[in-house]
Amino acid sequence: MTADPRAAEAPPLPDPLPHPVVDNHCHLDIGRGADPTPVEQALAAAASVGVTRVVQIGCDLPSARRAVEWAATYDAVVAGVALHPNDAPTHADLDAALAEIDALAGAHPKVRAVGETGLDFFRTGEEGIAAQKESFRRHIEIAKRHDKTLVIHDRDAHDAVLEILDEEGAPDRWVMHCFSGDAEFAKRCLDRGAHLSFAGTVTFKNADHLRDALVLAPQDRVLVETDAPFLTPVPHRGRTNASYLIPLTMRTMAQVRGEDLGELCAAVDANTERAFGGAW
């Protein structure tokens, strides 16, 4: 199979949104086959199309430290800090790693989230599940103690995620990052107080279950994200994602929900502030 020669090229800027929105989950420090775009350039490109703020997510100790540094440096950025569920089993001393996440969670007022944490039964085998679950429980406790938003990564682990949340008690604010369930699972999350965050996957041809969940969700619980540099929306699927491509996802979301784009953007912007503890 011949590789797509466009894969390494940055997709063009889409038309700007009629109202600003927040990319509530991105990894500006991760490249995809190349060095990541410099932060100032990435933020400027996003702002040019109406994506005026981002939540920079840490998923291991180095990226969590970097997220705090960038949140302290850039007005448009707030941070989330955590050990990704696939990272947790790699730590010989999980207690020490979680102690640093705990310290980072309280390190700066612009650290708004503990995440991404959760469970991933796709990439981690049985030998790592116990560490994932322990890490997830500890992150829930950290989020509650610091009054931070909990950002959950859930891959092939829907029931187990909700079971642990029910046992530990969810924080006041929590987000299902890159929501991957169907309408029935969406209702179970919403009934427990979740915000549902939709990524470029909602634009994929085979994602009717996500679109069903999006239609079910009340407007005041819907968020949007990139998970950049991953999960690039159609028509650029397979190329490197970036916060400036949020308008493609937002336009699909408005069409699927049968809502005015500007109205939905305004709602998503307000929802994100509420979900992450206020304006920045």
C-alpha atoms as a PDB file:
ATOM      1  CA  MET A   1       0.000   0.000   0.000  1.00  0.00           C
ATOM      2  CA  THR A   2       1.357   3.435  -0.937  1.00  0.00           C
ATOM      3  CA  ALA A   3       1.489   5.901   1.919  1.00  0.00           C
ATOM      4  CA  ASP A   4      -0.627   9.041   1.588  1.00  0.00           C
ATOM      5  CA  PRO A   5       1.890  11.787   0.662  1.00  0.00           C
ATOM      6  CA  ARG A   6      -0.260  14.318   2.556  1.00  0.00           C
ATOM      7  CA  ALA A   7       0.049  12.484   5.875  1.00  0.00           C
ATOM      8  CA  ALA A   8       3.073  14.483   7.028  1.00  0.00           C
ATOM      9  CA  GLU A   9       1.590  17.814   5.898  1.00  0.00           C
ATOM     10  CA  ALA A  10      -0.387  20.033   8.231  1.00  0.00           C
ATOM     11  CA  PRO A  11      -4.055  20.231   7.171  1.00  0.00           C
ATOM     12  CA  PRO A  12      -5.208  23.689   6.054  1.00  0.00           C
ATOM     13  CA  LEU A  13      -6.975  26.096   8.388  1.00  0.00           C
ATOM     14  CA  PRO A  14     -10.757  25.581   8.392  1.00  0.00           C
ATOM     15  CA  ASP A  15     -13.265  28.416   8.359  1.00  0.00           C
ATOM     16  CA  PRO A  16     -13.378  30.196  11.736  1.00  0.00           C
ATOM     17  CA  LEU A  17     -16.120  29.501  14.252  1.00  0.00           C
ATOM     18  CA  PRO A  18     -18.770  32.157  14.951  1.00  0.00           C
ATOM     19  CA  HIS A  19     -18.095  31.972  18.709  1.00  0.00           C
ATOM     20  CA  PRO A  20     -14.933  30.936  20.589  1.00  0.00           C
ATOM     21  CA  VAL A  21     -14.614  27.454  22.050  1.00  0.00           C
ATOM     22  CA  VAL A  22     -12.070  25.622  24.211  1.00  0.00           C
ATOM     23  CA  ASP A  23     -10.095  22.538  23.176  1.00  0.00           C
ATOM     24  CA  ASN A  24     -10.498  20.800  26.519  1.00  0.00           C
ATOM     25  CA  HIS A  25      -7.961  18.024  25.859  1.00  0.00           C
ATOM     26  CA  CYS A  26      -4.770  18.286  23.843  1.00  0.00           C
ATOM     27  CA  HIS A  27      -1.122  17.283  23.974  1.00  0.00           C
ATOM     28  CA  LEU A  28       0.798  20.199  22.488  1.00  0.00           C
ATOM     29  CA  ASP A  29       4.069  18.566  23.490  1.00  0.00           C
ATOM     30  CA  ILE A  30       3.600  15.399  21.420  1.00  0.00           C
ATOM     31  CA  GLY A  31       4.664  15.185  17.793  1.00  0.00           C
ATOM     32  CA  ARG A  32       3.385  12.620  15.334  1.00  0.00           C
ATOM     33  CA  GLY A  33       6.173  11.539  13.035  1.00  0.00           C
ATOM     34  CA  ALA A  34       7.824  14.930  13.490  1.00  0.00           C
ATOM     35  CA  ASP A  35       8.675  17.421  16.196  1.00  0.00           C
ATOM     36  CA  PRO A  36       5.607  19.066  17.760  1.00  0.00           C
ATOM     37  CA  THR A  37       4.610  22.521  16.559  1.00  0.00           C
ATOM     38  CA  PRO A  38       6.035  25.243  18.827  1.00  0.00           C
ATOM     39  CA  VAL A  39       3.497  26.171  21.498  1.00  0.00           C
ATOM     40  CA  GLU A  40       3.140  29.822  20.492  1.00  0.00           C
ATOM     41  CA  GLN A  41       2.513  28.824  16.873  1.00  0.00           C
ATOM     42  CA  ALA A  42      -0.016  26.138  17.834  1.00  0.00           C
ATOM     43  CA  LEU A  43      -1.945  28.540  20.075  1.00  0.00           C
ATOM     44  CA  ALA A  44      -1.938  31.290  17.440  1.00  0.00           C
ATOM     45  CA  ALA A  45      -3.251  28.962  14.732  1.00  0.00           C
ATOM     46  CA  ALA A  46      -6.031  27.782  17.036  1.00  0.00           C
ATOM     47  CA  ALA A  47      -6.992  31.328  18.060  1.00  0.00           C
ATOM     48  CA  SER A  48      -7.180  32.377  14.405  1.00  0.00           C
ATOM     49  CA  VAL A  49     -10.180  30.067  13.873  1.00  0.00           C
ATOM     50  CA  GLY A  50     -11.884  30.688  17.223  1.00  0.00           C
ATOM     51  CA  VAL A  51     -10.257  28.080  19.463  1.00  0.00           C
ATOM     52  CA  THR A  52      -9.024  30.603  21.981  1.00  0.00           C
ATOM     53  CA  ARG A  53      -8.126  28.410  24.968  1.00  0.00           C
ATOM     54  CA  VAL A  54      -6.830  24.888  25.573  1.00  0.00           C
ATOM     55  CA  VAL A  55      -6.404  22.376  28.359  1.00  0.00           C
ATOM     56  CA  GLN A  56      -2.914  20.887  28.094  1.00  0.00           C
ATOM     57  CA  ILE A  57      -3.014  17.347  29.453  1.00  0.00           C
ATOM     58  CA  GLY A  58      -0.111  15.554  31.093  1.00  0.00           C
ATOM     59  CA  CYS A  59      -0.061  11.773  30.908  1.00  0.00           C
ATOM     60  CA  ASP A  60       3.260  10.926  32.569  1.00  0.00           C
ATOM     61  CA  LEU A  61       5.572  12.753  34.947  1.00  0.00           C
ATOM     62  CA  PRO A  62       7.571  14.716  32.326  1.00  0.00           C
ATOM     63  CA  SER A  63       4.463  15.848  30.448  1.00  0.00           C
ATOM     64  CA  ALA A  64       2.642  16.677  33.681  1.00  0.00           C
ATOM     65  CA  ARG A  65       5.524  18.919  34.741  1.00  0.00           C
ATOM     66  CA  ARG A  66       5.499  20.516  31.286  1.00  0.00           C
ATOM     67  CA  ALA A  67       1.735  21.104  31.451  1.00  0.00           C
ATOM     68  CA  VAL A  68       2.132  23.023  34.710  1.00  0.00           C
ATOM     69  CA  GLU A  69       4.998  25.067  33.246  1.00  0.00           C
ATOM     70  CA  TRP A  70       3.022  25.991  30.135  1.00  0.00           C
ATOM     71  CA  ALA A  71      -0.124  26.833  32.093  1.00  0.00           C
ATOM     72  CA  ALA A  72       1.944  29.219  34.199  1.00  0.00           C
ATOM     73  CA  THR A  73       3.473  30.734  31.054  1.00  0.00           C
ATOM     74  CA  TYR A  74       0.584  31.096  28.570  1.00  0.00           C
ATOM     75  CA  ASP A  75      -2.670  32.893  29.305  1.00  0.00           C
ATOM     76  CA  ALA A  76      -4.648  30.601  26.987  1.00  0.00           C
ATOM     77  CA  VAL A  77      -3.530  27.376  28.701  1.00  0.00           C
ATOM     78  CA  VAL A  78      -4.612  25.505  31.801  1.00  0.00           C
ATOM     79  CA  ALA A  79      -3.180  22.142  32.839  1.00  0.00           C
ATOM     80  CA  GLY A  80      -4.238  18.641  33.708  1.00  0.00           C
ATOM     81  CA  VAL A  81      -1.750  16.360  35.481  1.00  0.00           C
ATOM     82  CA  ALA A  82      -1.844  12.579  35.850  1.00  0.00           C
ATOM     83  CA  LEU A  83      -0.356   9.230  35.034  1.00  0.00           C
ATOM     84  CA  HIS A  84      -2.111   7.815  31.979  1.00  0.00           C
ATOM     85  CA  PRO A  85      -3.570   4.371  32.735  1.00  0.00           C
ATOM     86  CA  ASN A  86      -1.041   2.797  30.374  1.00  0.00           C
ATOM     87  CA  ASP A  87       1.786   4.642  32.123  1.00  0.00           C
ATOM     88  CA  ALA A  88       0.812   3.622  35.661  1.00  0.00           C
ATOM     89  CA  PRO A  89       1.950  -0.030  35.414  1.00  0.00           C
ATOM     90  CA  THR A  90       5.407   1.044  34.200  1.00  0.00           C
ATOM     91  CA  HIS A  91       6.355   2.621  37.548  1.00  0.00           C
ATOM     92  CA  ALA A  92       8.379   0.434  39.897  1.00  0.00           C
ATOM     93  CA  ASP A  93       7.419   2.877  42.665  1.00  0.00           C
ATOM     94  CA  LEU A  94       3.854   3.892  41.874  1.00  0.00           C
ATOM     95  CA  ASP A  95       3.464   5.582  45.263  1.00  0.00           C
ATOM     96  CA  ALA A  96       6.337   7.953  44.531  1.00  0.00           C
ATOM     97  CA  ALA A  97       4.999   8.794  41.066  1.00  0.00           C
ATOM     98  CA  LEU A  98       1.536   9.492  42.459  1.00  0.00           C
ATOM     99  CA  ALA A  99       3.033  11.633  45.218  1.00  0.00           C
ATOM    100  CA  GLU A 100       4.541  13.864  42.528  1.00  0.00           C
ATOM    101  CA  ILE A 101       1.199  14.075  40.697  1.00  0.00           C
ATOM    102  CA  ASP A 102      -0.386  15.060  44.015  1.00  0.00           C
ATOM    103  CA  ALA A 103       2.196  17.823  44.453  1.00  0.00           C
ATOM    104  CA  LEU A 104       1.741  19.036  40.862  1.00  0.00           C
ATOM    105  CA  ALA A 105      -2.046  19.147  41.300  1.00  0.00           C
ATOM    106  CA  GLY A 106      -1.560  21.810  43.960  1.00  0.00           C
ATOM    107  CA  ALA A 107       1.411  23.536  42.369  1.00  0.00           C
ATOM    108  CA  HIS A 108      -0.364  26.375  40.555  1.00  0.00           C
ATOM    109  CA  PRO A 109      -3.931  27.766  40.368  1.00  0.00           C
ATOM    110  CA  LYS A 110      -3.978  27.128  36.608  1.00  0.00           C
ATOM    111  CA  VAL A 111      -3.731  23.396  37.204  1.00  0.00           C
ATOM    112  CA  ARG A 112      -7.443  22.767  36.776  1.00  0.00           C
ATOM    113  CA  ALA A 113      -7.592  19.006  36.290  1.00  0.00           C
ATOM    114  CA  VAL A 114      -6.318  15.662  37.452  1.00  0.00           C
ATOM    115  CA  GLY A 115      -6.154  13.629  34.281  1.00  0.00           C
ATOM    116  CA  GLU A 116      -5.948  11.870  32.104  1.00  0.00           C
ATOM    117  CA  THR A 117      -6.432   8.913  34.377  1.00  0.00           C
ATOM    118  CA  GLY A 118      -8.803   5.969  34.144  1.00  0.00           C
ATOM    119  CA  LEU A 119      -8.644   2.501  32.644  1.00  0.00           C
ATOM    120  CA  ASP A 120      -7.427   1.102  29.330  1.00  0.00           C
ATOM    121  CA  PHE A 121      -8.089  -2.582  28.740  1.00  0.00           C
ATOM    122  CA  PHE A 122      -7.017  -2.327  25.084  1.00  0.00           C
ATOM    123  CA  ARG A 123      -3.317  -1.553  25.401  1.00  0.00           C
ATOM    124  CA  THR A 124      -2.550  -2.937  28.867  1.00  0.00           C
ATOM    125  CA  GLY A 125      -2.775  -6.669  29.557  1.00  0.00           C
ATOM    126  CA  GLU A 126      -4.008  -8.461  32.650  1.00  0.00           C
ATOM    127  CA  GLU A 127      -0.649  -8.027  34.373  1.00  0.00           C
ATOM    128  CA  GLY A 128      -1.116  -4.255  34.471  1.00  0.00           C
ATOM    129  CA  ILE A 129      -4.785  -3.984  35.397  1.00  0.00           C
ATOM    130  CA  ALA A 130      -4.277  -3.958  39.173  1.00  0.00           C
ATOM    131  CA  ALA A 131      -1.852  -1.031  38.903  1.00  0.00           C
ATOM    132  CA  GLN A 132      -4.254   0.814  36.607  1.00  0.00           C
ATOM    133  CA  LYS A 133      -7.126   0.420  39.045  1.00  0.00           C
ATOM    134  CA  GLU A 134      -5.027   1.480  42.030  1.00  0.00           C
ATOM    135  CA  SER A 135      -3.746   4.495  40.109  1.00  0.00           C
ATOM    136  CA  PHE A 136      -7.275   5.462  39.060  1.00  0.00           C
ATOM    137  CA  ARG A 137      -8.554   5.267  42.639  1.00  0.00           C
ATOM    138  CA  ARG A 138      -5.663   7.405  43.873  1.00  0.00           C
ATOM    139  CA  HIS A 139      -6.234  10.011  41.146  1.00  0.00           C
ATOM    140  CA  ILE A 140      -9.895  10.249  42.151  1.00  0.00           C
ATOM    141  CA  GLU A 141      -8.836  10.953  45.726  1.00  0.00           C
ATOM    142  CA  ILE A 142      -6.291  13.562  44.586  1.00  0.00           C
ATOM    143  CA  ALA A 143      -8.895  15.320  42.439  1.00  0.00           C
ATOM    144  CA  LYS A 144     -11.381  15.501  45.294  1.00  0.00           C
ATOM    145  CA  ARG A 145      -8.856  16.664  47.873  1.00  0.00           C
ATOM    146  CA  HIS A 146      -7.552  19.455  45.618  1.00  0.00           C
ATOM    147  CA  ASP A 147     -11.012  20.281  44.190  1.00  0.00           C
ATOM    148  CA  LYS A 148      -9.850  19.613  40.632  1.00  0.00           C
ATOM    149  CA  THR A 149     -11.760  18.284  37.651  1.00  0.00           C
ATOM    150  CA  LEU A 150     -11.246  14.568  37.023  1.00  0.00           C
ATOM    151  CA  VAL A 151     -10.482  13.745  33.371  1.00  0.00           C
ATOM    152  CA  ILE A 152     -11.127  10.102  32.542  1.00  0.00           C
ATOM    153  CA  HIS A 153      -9.566   7.983  29.811  1.00  0.00           C
ATOM    154  CA  ASP A 154     -11.804   4.982  29.145  1.00  0.00           C
ATOM    155  CA  ARG A 155     -10.872   2.437  26.498  1.00  0.00           C
ATOM    156  CA  ASP A 156     -12.740  -0.865  26.452  1.00  0.00           C
ATOM    157  CA  ALA A 157     -13.436  -0.411  30.173  1.00  0.00           C
ATOM    158  CA  HIS A 158     -16.862   1.230  30.464  1.00  0.00           C
ATOM    159  CA  ASP A 159     -18.296  -0.921  33.264  1.00  0.00           C
ATOM    160  CA  ALA A 160     -15.078  -1.002  35.286  1.00  0.00           C
ATOM    161  CA  VAL A 161     -14.704   2.801  35.126  1.00  0.00           C
ATOM    162  CA  LEU A 162     -18.199   3.375  36.494  1.00  0.00           C
ATOM    163  CA  GLU A 163     -17.777   0.663  39.109  1.00  0.00           C
ATOM    164  CA  ILE A 164     -14.693   2.369  40.544  1.00  0.00           C
ATOM    165  CA  LEU A 165     -16.327   5.810  40.362  1.00  0.00           C
ATOM    166  CA  ASP A 166     -19.330   4.470  42.261  1.00  0.00           C
ATOM    167  CA  GLU A 167     -17.114   2.884  44.894  1.00  0.00           C
ATOM    168  CA  GLU A 168     -14.865   5.919  45.388  1.00  0.00           C
ATOM    169  CA  GLY A 169     -17.422   8.649  44.774  1.00  0.00           C
ATOM    170  CA  ALA A 170     -16.928  10.956  41.814  1.00  0.00           C
ATOM    171  CA  PRO A 171     -15.623  14.508  42.267  1.00  0.00           C
ATOM    172  CA  ASP A 172     -18.009  17.422  41.782  1.00  0.00           C
ATOM    173  CA  ARG A 173     -16.652  17.915  38.238  1.00  0.00           C
ATOM    174  CA  TRP A 174     -15.609  15.117  35.928  1.00  0.00           C
ATOM    175  CA  VAL A 175     -15.183  14.670  32.197  1.00  0.00           C
ATOM    176  CA  MET A 176     -15.339  11.572  30.017  1.00  0.00           C
ATOM    177  CA  HIS A 177     -12.487  12.417  27.666  1.00  0.00           C
ATOM    178  CA  CYS A 178     -12.938  11.338  24.040  1.00  0.00           C
ATOM    179  CA  PHE A 179     -16.279   9.756  24.847  1.00  0.00           C
ATOM    180  CA  SER A 180     -16.328   6.332  23.202  1.00  0.00           C
ATOM    181  CA  GLY A 181     -19.575   4.745  24.340  1.00  0.00           C
ATOM    182  CA  ASP A 182     -23.078   4.520  22.962  1.00  0.00           C
ATOM    183  CA  ALA A 183     -26.249   6.325  24.032  1.00  0.00           C
ATOM    184  CA  GLU A 184     -26.953   3.872  26.854  1.00  0.00           C
ATOM    185  CA  PHE A 185     -23.486   4.344  28.348  1.00  0.00           C
ATOM    186  CA  ALA A 186     -23.799   8.107  27.861  1.00  0.00           C
ATOM    187  CA  LYS A 187     -26.963   8.070  29.978  1.00  0.00           C
ATOM    188  CA  ARG A 188     -25.193   6.119  32.724  1.00  0.00           C
ATOM    189  CA  CYS A 189     -22.390   8.713  32.787  1.00  0.00           C
ATOM    190  CA  LEU A 190     -24.762  11.677  32.625  1.00  0.00           C
ATOM    191  CA  ASP A 191     -26.835  10.282  35.472  1.00  0.00           C
ATOM    192  CA  ARG A 192     -23.659  10.373  37.582  1.00  0.00           C
ATOM    193  CA  GLY A 193     -22.923  14.007  36.696  1.00  0.00           C
ATOM    194  CA  ALA A 194     -20.413  13.685  33.846  1.00  0.00           C
ATOM    195  CA  HIS A 195     -19.600  16.092  31.068  1.00  0.00           C
ATOM    196  CA  LEU A 196     -19.124  14.219  27.782  1.00  0.00           C
ATOM    197  CA  SER A 197     -16.260  15.374  25.572  1.00  0.00           C
ATOM    198  CA  PHE A 198     -16.417  14.567  21.871  1.00  0.00           C
ATOM    199  CA  ALA A 199     -13.325  14.359  19.668  1.00  0.00           C
ATOM    200  CA  GLY A 200     -12.751  14.027  15.924  1.00  0.00           C
ATOM    201  CA  THR A 201     -13.993  10.444  16.165  1.00  0.00           C
ATOM    202  CA  VAL A 202     -17.575  11.781  16.098  1.00  0.00           C
ATOM    203  CA  THR A 203     -16.963  12.695  12.428  1.00  0.00           C
ATOM    204  CA  PHE A 204     -15.898   9.172  11.433  1.00  0.00           C
ATOM    205  CA  LYS A 205     -18.156   7.201   9.100  1.00  0.00           C
ATOM    206  CA  ASN A 206     -18.369   4.234  11.484  1.00  0.00           C
ATOM    207  CA  ALA A 207     -19.251   6.320  14.566  1.00  0.00           C
ATOM    208  CA  ASP A 208     -23.054   6.227  14.586  1.00  0.00           C
ATOM    209  CA  HIS A 209     -22.958   5.143  18.251  1.00  0.00           C
ATOM    210  CA  LEU A 210     -21.078   8.344  19.159  1.00  0.00           C
ATOM    211  CA  ARG A 211     -23.513  10.480  17.233  1.00  0.00           C
ATOM    212  CA  ASP A 212     -26.400   8.786  19.034  1.00  0.00           C
ATOM    213  CA  ALA A 213     -24.725   9.636  22.359  1.00  0.00           C
ATOM    214  CA  LEU A 214     -24.154  13.222  21.220  1.00  0.00           C
ATOM    215  CA  VAL A 215     -27.837  13.648  20.382  1.00  0.00           C
ATOM    216  CA  LEU A 216     -28.851  12.230  23.765  1.00  0.00           C
ATOM    217  CA  ALA A 217     -26.582  14.514  25.804  1.00  0.00           C
ATOM    218  CA  PRO A 218     -28.116  17.745  27.149  1.00  0.00           C
ATOM    219  CA  GLN A 219     -26.541  20.808  25.576  1.00  0.00           C
ATOM    220  CA  ASP A 220     -25.115  21.917  28.921  1.00  0.00           C
ATOM    221  CA  ARG A 221     -23.057  18.707  29.307  1.00  0.00           C
ATOM    222  CA  VAL A 222     -21.331  18.682  25.897  1.00  0.00           C
ATOM    223  CA  LEU A 223     -17.637  19.509  25.421  1.00  0.00           C
ATOM    224  CA  VAL A 224     -15.287  19.331  22.424  1.00  0.00           C
ATOM    225  CA  GLU A 225     -11.637  18.290  22.159  1.00  0.00           C
ATOM    226  CA  THR A 226      -8.940  17.207  19.755  1.00  0.00           C
ATOM    227  CA  ASP A 227      -6.748  14.812  21.755  1.00  0.00           C
ATOM    228  CA  ALA A 228      -4.177  16.284  19.361  1.00  0.00           C
ATOM    229  CA  PRO A 229      -2.058  15.092  17.704  1.00  0.00           C
ATOM    230  CA  PHE A 230      -4.393  12.088  17.507  1.00  0.00           C
ATOM    231  CA  LEU A 231      -7.976  11.473  16.288  1.00  0.00           C
ATOM    232  CA  THR A 232      -7.971  13.977  13.438  1.00  0.00           C
ATOM    233  CA  PRO A 233     -11.482  14.738  12.155  1.00  0.00           C
ATOM    234  CA  VAL A 234     -12.750  14.024   8.663  1.00  0.00           C
ATOM    235  CA  PRO A 235     -11.747  15.016   5.971  1.00  0.00           C
ATOM    236  CA  HIS A 236      -8.179  14.885   7.349  1.00  0.00           C
ATOM    237  CA  ARG A 237      -8.369  11.584   9.209  1.00  0.00           C
ATOM    238  CA  GLY A 238      -4.919   9.983   9.351  1.00  0.00           C
ATOM    239  CA  ARG A 239      -3.056  13.288   9.331  1.00  0.00           C
ATOM    240  CA  THR A 240      -1.717  15.127  12.371  1.00  0.00           C
ATOM    241  CA  ASN A 241      -4.406  16.704  14.527  1.00  0.00           C
ATOM    242  CA  ALA A 242      -4.150  20.149  16.115  1.00  0.00           C
ATOM    243  CA  SER A 243      -6.374  22.461  18.114  1.00  0.00           C
ATOM    244  CA  TYR A 244      -7.074  24.605  15.037  1.00  0.00           C
ATOM    245  CA  LEU A 245      -9.076  21.698  13.551  1.00  0.00           C
ATOM    246  CA  ILE A 246     -11.764  21.891  16.258  1.00  0.00           C
ATOM    247  CA  PRO A 247     -14.092  23.800  13.860  1.00  0.00           C
ATOM    248  CA  LEU A 248     -14.452  20.651  11.741  1.00  0.00           C
ATOM    249  CA  THR A 249     -15.647  18.674  14.755  1.00  0.00           C
ATOM    250  CA  MET A 250     -17.900  21.480  15.988  1.00  0.00           C
ATOM    251  CA  ARG A 251     -19.629  21.796  12.621  1.00  0.00           C
ATOM    252  CA  THR A 252     -20.352  18.077  12.591  1.00  0.00           C
ATOM    253  CA  MET A 253     -21.639  18.239  16.165  1.00  0.00           C
ATOM    254  CA  ALA A 254     -24.016  21.101  15.352  1.00  0.00           C
ATOM    255  CA  GLN A 255     -25.296  19.291  12.265  1.00  0.00           C
ATOM    256  CA  VAL A 256     -25.842  16.028  14.156  1.00  0.00           C
ATOM    257  CA  ARG A 257     -27.690  17.786  16.980  1.00  0.00           C
ATOM    258  CA  GLY A 258     -29.699  19.991  14.589  1.00  0.00           C
ATOM    259  CA  GLU A 259     -28.537  23.129  16.390  1.00  0.00           C
ATOM    260  CA  ASP A 260     -27.232  26.511  15.319  1.00  0.00           C
ATOM    261  CA  LEU A 261     -23.436  26.425  15.212  1.00  0.00           C
ATOM    262  CA  GLY A 262     -22.965  29.714  17.049  1.00  0.00           C
ATOM    263  CA  GLU A 263     -25.403  28.695  19.781  1.00  0.00           C
ATOM    264  CA  LEU A 264     -23.677  25.347  20.288  1.00  0.00           C
ATOM    265  CA  CYS A 265     -20.227  26.974  20.332  1.00  0.00           C
ATOM    266  CA  ALA A 266     -21.358  29.431  23.008  1.00  0.00           C
ATOM    267  CA  ALA A 267     -22.792  26.575  25.068  1.00  0.00           C
ATOM    268  CA  VAL A 268     -19.645  24.442  24.728  1.00  0.00           C
ATOM    269  CA  ASP A 269     -17.477  27.409  25.726  1.00  0.00           C
ATOM    270  CA  ALA A 270     -19.559  28.036  28.862  1.00  0.00           C
ATOM    271  CA  ASN A 271     -19.744  24.306  29.633  1.00  0.00           C
ATOM    272  CA  THR A 272     -15.961  24.023  29.507  1.00  0.00           C
ATOM    273  CA  GLU A 273     -15.467  26.866  31.944  1.00  0.00           C
ATOM    274  CA  ARG A 274     -17.948  25.285  34.312  1.00  0.00           C
ATOM    275  CA  ALA A 275     -16.436  21.819  33.908  1.00  0.00           C
ATOM    276  CA  PHE A 276     -12.898  23.070  34.581  1.00  0.00           C
ATOM    277  CA  GLY A 277     -13.600  25.380  37.490  1.00  0.00           C
ATOM    278  CA  GLY A 278     -14.175  28.789  35.911  1.00  0.00           C
ATOM    279  CA  ALA A 279     -12.754  31.198  33.344  1.00  0.00           C
ATOM    280  CA  TRP A 280      -9.074  31.645  32.552  1.00  0.00           C
END
